[in-house]
Amino acid sequence: MRPENCQTMPELRAAIDALDRELVAKLAQRAGYIDRAITLKTAQGLPARIDDRVEEVVANVRRHAQDLGYDAALAEQLWRVIIDWSITREETVLGAKAD
């Protein structure tokens, strides 16, 4: 349902809750790709943090946000938190594998 089609607060809240479930599902799916990156990086001897890739991801997110009329600075902030979490997860697992 589009936001402008919501006629009551309960209806609006239900739509937001449904969207939140979808967002969490997408974040969980993204985490699965991070887990796969750990395996691939281990096999290729790559570090968890690859600064050029971090900045490429951020630039992509900013561009997508702008294309959608969304606040690019906010999107960048959110993604930097997601990226930092992802790198920390990779470093934790990669460090454990090195032991």
Protein backbone atom coordinates (compact mmCIF):
# COMPACT_ATOMS: atom_id res chain seq x y z
CA MET A 1 0.00 0.00 0.00
CA ARG A 2 1.32 3.44 -0.86
CA PRO A 3 1.57 5.93 2.02
CA GLU A 4 -1.01 8.27 0.48
CA ASN A 5 -3.54 5.42 0.39
CA CYS A 6 -3.45 4.92 4.17
CA GLN A 7 -6.58 6.40 5.66
CA THR A 8 -6.13 5.66 9.37
CA MET A 9 -3.26 5.49 11.81
CA PRO A 10 -3.75 1.74 12.43
CA GLU A 11 -3.62 1.16 8.69
CA LEU A 12 -0.49 3.31 8.38
CA ARG A 13 1.17 1.56 11.33
CA ALA A 14 0.40 -1.85 9.86
CA ALA A 15 1.99 -0.79 6.57
CA ILE A 16 5.09 0.49 8.39
CA ASP A 17 5.31 -2.74 10.41
CA ALA A 18 5.10 -4.80 7.22
CA LEU A 19 7.81 -2.70 5.60
CA ASP A 20 9.99 -3.07 8.70
CA ARG A 21 9.68 -6.87 8.43
CA GLU A 22 10.78 -6.66 4.79
CA LEU A 23 13.73 -4.43 5.68
CA VAL A 24 14.88 -6.81 8.42
CA ALA A 25 14.55 -9.73 6.01
CA LYS A 26 16.71 -7.90 3.47
CA LEU A 27 19.31 -7.10 6.14
CA ALA A 28 19.37 -10.76 7.15
CA GLN A 29 19.82 -11.71 3.50
CA ARG A 30 22.69 -9.19 3.22
CA ALA A 31 24.31 -10.77 6.30
CA GLY A 32 24.25 -14.10 4.46
CA TYR A 33 26.28 -12.52 1.68
CA ILE A 34 28.71 -11.20 4.29
CA ASP A 35 29.10 -14.74 5.61
CA ARG A 36 29.86 -15.91 2.09
CA ALA A 37 32.39 -13.08 1.69
CA ILE A 38 34.22 -14.45 4.73
CA THR A 39 34.67 -17.79 2.98
CA LEU A 40 35.76 -16.21 -0.29
CA LYS A 41 38.11 -13.72 1.36
CA THR A 42 39.71 -16.50 3.39
CA ALA A 43 40.34 -18.53 0.22
CA GLN A 44 41.76 -15.50 -1.58
CA GLY A 45 43.76 -14.12 1.35
CA LEU A 46 41.83 -10.86 1.36
CA PRO A 47 41.35 -8.65 4.42
CA ALA A 48 37.94 -7.91 5.90
CA ARG A 49 38.19 -4.19 5.12
CA ILE A 50 38.87 -3.17 1.55
CA ASP A 51 38.63 0.61 1.63
CA ASP A 52 38.05 1.06 -2.12
CA ARG A 53 35.08 -1.32 -1.94
CA VAL A 54 33.67 0.43 1.13
CA GLU A 55 33.68 3.74 -0.70
CA GLU A 56 32.22 2.14 -3.84
CA VAL A 57 29.31 0.73 -1.80
CA VAL A 58 28.72 4.11 -0.13
CA ALA A 59 28.79 5.94 -3.49
CA ASN A 60 26.31 3.42 -4.92
CA VAL A 61 23.97 3.87 -1.96
CA ARG A 62 24.16 7.66 -2.17
CA ARG A 63 23.38 7.54 -5.89
CA HIS A 64 20.43 5.16 -5.40
CA ALA A 65 19.09 7.36 -2.60
CA GLN A 66 19.32 10.47 -4.76
CA ASP A 67 17.60 8.67 -7.65
CA LEU A 68 14.71 7.86 -5.30
CA GLY A 69 14.52 11.36 -3.81
CA TYR A 70 15.74 10.04 -0.46
CA ASP A 71 18.22 11.80 1.81
CA ALA A 72 21.63 10.64 0.50
CA ALA A 73 23.46 11.76 3.65
CA LEU A 74 21.12 9.69 5.83
CA ALA A 75 21.47 6.69 3.52
CA GLU A 76 25.25 7.01 3.77
CA GLN A 77 25.09 7.16 7.58
CA LEU A 78 22.92 4.07 7.74
CA TRP A 79 25.11 2.14 5.33
CA ARG A 80 28.32 3.05 7.11
CA VAL A 81 26.84 1.47 10.25
CA ILE A 82 25.87 -1.63 8.25
CA ILE A 83 29.31 -1.77 6.62
CA ASP A 84 31.09 -1.34 9.96
CA TRP A 85 29.01 -4.18 11.44
CA SER A 86 29.80 -6.35 8.43
CA ILE A 87 33.54 -5.70 8.63
CA THR A 88 33.57 -6.35 12.37
CA ARG A 89 31.77 -9.66 11.76
CA GLU A 90 34.26 -10.58 9.05
CA GLU A 91 37.25 -9.63 11.23
CA THR A 92 35.88 -11.67 14.13
CA VAL A 93 35.40 -14.78 12.03
CA LEU A 94 38.62 -14.31 10.02
CA GLY A 95 40.53 -13.76 13.25
CA ALA A 96 39.04 -16.91 14.76
CA LYS A 97 40.02 -18.90 11.66
CA ALA A 98 43.60 -17.62 11.95
CA ASP A 99 43.91 -19.01 15.52
